[in-house]
Every structure is written in C-alpha cells, then in structure tokens.
C-alpha cells in the first residue's frame, strides 16, 4: 500500500492533495453529496479546482471504522485510480492506494 494523498477537514469539506509520479494535484476537495440518487450512488464528489475528477462511497471496515472508497478518473489518466481515504489518529486523512491483484 502507498499513501498517495494527504487531506484535512476545512469548512466541512475534506481538502488536500494527491501525489504520484504522474499526478500532482493540489486543492483537491471531497464534498459530501447532499442527495444521492440511490443507495449505490456516490456519497461524495471529488474536485480538483473546478473539474470533477471522481466520486467516493462511504464504507465501513471489518474493524468497524468508517472510510471512503474513491474512484478518480480524468481523460489525462491512463486508467482510473481506485484508493481508500482513512482518517489518521491525528484527525487528518491519508489516501491509500494498492495495486489490484487480479
């Protein structure tokens, strides 16, 4: 697993940056979706500046901890990026990515 982003809560939004060798995004905002269309719809939208670059779903781990499962996508990406956002002990958040084993 690799940490590819760091975030914190600012004015009710989760704000931070995503960093990989090819992706360097600052001012990334994760905003709660007020009225999801259905139970399987995203609970959050992800923006870099004005561009929507993904969506997130609220999940609960086996250890009963809440986290967000993110799908990031953009025409400039070779493929979507799937990652999970976990709250750290200090209240900040880490975006964690691991390669699929399939």
Protein backbone atom coordinates (compact mmCIF):
# COMPACT_ATOMS: atom_id res chain seq x y z
CA UNK A 1 0.00 0.00 0.00
CA UNK A 2 1.17 3.50 -0.79
CA UNK A 3 -0.02 6.83 0.57
CA UNK A 4 -0.81 8.97 -2.48
CA UNK A 5 -2.56 11.85 -0.76
CA UNK A 6 -2.95 13.80 2.45
CA UNK A 7 -6.13 15.63 3.46
CA UNK A 8 -7.72 17.55 6.31
CA UNK A 9 -11.18 18.89 7.11
CA UNK A 10 -11.70 22.56 6.17
CA UNK A 11 -15.13 24.22 6.46
CA UNK A 12 -16.97 20.89 6.28
CA UNK A 13 -15.06 19.67 3.21
CA UNK A 14 -12.12 17.30 3.03
CA UNK A 15 -9.31 19.21 1.30
CA UNK A 16 -5.81 18.17 0.34
CA UNK A 17 -3.50 16.92 -2.37
CA UNK A 18 -2.90 13.80 -4.45
CA UNK A 19 0.64 12.96 -5.48
CA UNK A 20 2.06 10.17 -7.64
CA UNK A 21 4.86 10.22 -10.18
CA UNK A 22 2.43 11.31 -12.92
CA UNK A 23 -0.31 13.03 -10.89
CA UNK A 24 0.35 16.16 -8.83
CA UNK A 25 -2.96 17.70 -7.73
CA UNK A 26 -3.37 20.40 -5.12
CA UNK A 27 -6.57 21.88 -3.77
CA UNK A 28 -8.45 18.60 -4.18
CA UNK A 29 -11.85 18.79 -2.48
CA UNK A 30 -14.02 15.88 -1.38
CA UNK A 31 -17.57 17.17 -0.97
CA UNK A 32 -20.49 15.26 0.53
CA UNK A 33 -23.34 14.61 -1.92
CA UNK A 34 -26.45 16.10 -0.32
CA UNK A 35 -28.96 13.85 -2.05
CA UNK A 36 -27.50 10.65 -3.56
CA UNK A 37 -29.73 9.32 -6.36
CA UNK A 38 -29.99 5.85 -4.78
CA UNK A 39 -28.30 3.55 -2.23
CA UNK A 40 -25.47 2.69 -4.63
CA UNK A 41 -24.82 6.25 -5.80
CA UNK A 42 -21.68 8.05 -4.63
CA UNK A 43 -21.88 9.74 -1.23
CA UNK A 44 -19.19 12.27 -2.19
CA UNK A 45 -17.88 14.08 -5.29
CA UNK A 46 -14.21 14.87 -5.84
CA UNK A 47 -12.99 18.09 -7.44
CA UNK A 48 -9.60 19.47 -8.49
CA UNK A 49 -10.19 23.16 -8.98
CA UNK A 50 -13.45 23.36 -10.97
CA UNK A 51 -13.09 19.92 -12.58
CA UNK A 52 -14.92 16.93 -11.13
CA UNK A 53 -12.34 14.13 -11.11
CA UNK A 54 -14.12 11.35 -9.25
CA UNK A 55 -16.55 10.03 -6.73
CA UNK A 56 -16.43 8.34 -3.34
CA UNK A 57 -18.58 5.93 -1.40
CA UNK A 58 -18.85 5.71 2.40
CA UNK A 59 -17.76 2.29 3.66
CA UNK A 60 -17.12 0.55 6.98
CA UNK A 61 -14.11 -1.71 7.57
CA UNK A 62 -14.15 -5.10 9.27
CA UNK A 63 -12.80 -3.25 12.33
CA UNK A 64 -15.93 -1.04 12.22
CA UNK A 65 -14.03 2.08 11.11
CA UNK A 66 -15.53 4.45 8.54
CA UNK A 67 -13.60 5.30 5.37
CA UNK A 68 -14.21 6.49 1.82
CA UNK A 69 -13.64 4.32 -1.25
CA UNK A 70 -12.59 6.63 -4.12
CA UNK A 71 -12.61 6.29 -7.88
CA UNK A 72 -10.57 9.02 -9.55
CA UNK A 73 -10.72 9.44 -13.31
CA UNK A 74 -9.81 12.05 -15.87
CA UNK A 75 -9.17 11.97 -19.64
CA UNK A 76 -5.47 12.56 -18.89
CA UNK A 77 -5.24 9.35 -16.78
CA UNK A 78 -4.23 6.09 -18.45
CA UNK A 79 -6.80 4.29 -16.26
CA UNK A 80 -8.98 5.11 -13.25
CA UNK A 81 -7.31 5.22 -9.85
CA UNK A 82 -9.03 3.34 -7.03
CA UNK A 83 -7.97 4.25 -3.48
CA UNK A 84 -9.28 4.48 0.08
CA UNK A 85 -9.31 7.53 2.35
CA UNK A 86 -8.73 6.74 6.03
CA UNK A 87 -8.78 9.15 8.95
CA UNK A 88 -5.49 9.12 10.86
CA UNK A 89 -5.16 9.23 14.66
CA UNK A 90 -4.30 12.95 14.44
CA UNK A 91 -7.59 13.76 12.65
CA UNK A 92 -6.05 14.21 9.22
CA UNK A 93 -6.64 11.77 6.36
CA UNK A 94 -4.41 9.54 4.22
CA UNK A 95 -5.34 8.43 0.71
CA UNK A 96 -4.04 4.88 0.32
CA UNK A 97 -3.60 3.02 -2.97
CA UNK A 98 -2.64 -0.60 -3.63
CA UNK A 99 -2.33 -2.42 -6.93
CA UNK A 100 -5.16 -4.83 -7.76
CA UNK A 101 -4.16 -8.48 -7.57
CA UNK A 102 -6.35 -9.56 -10.48
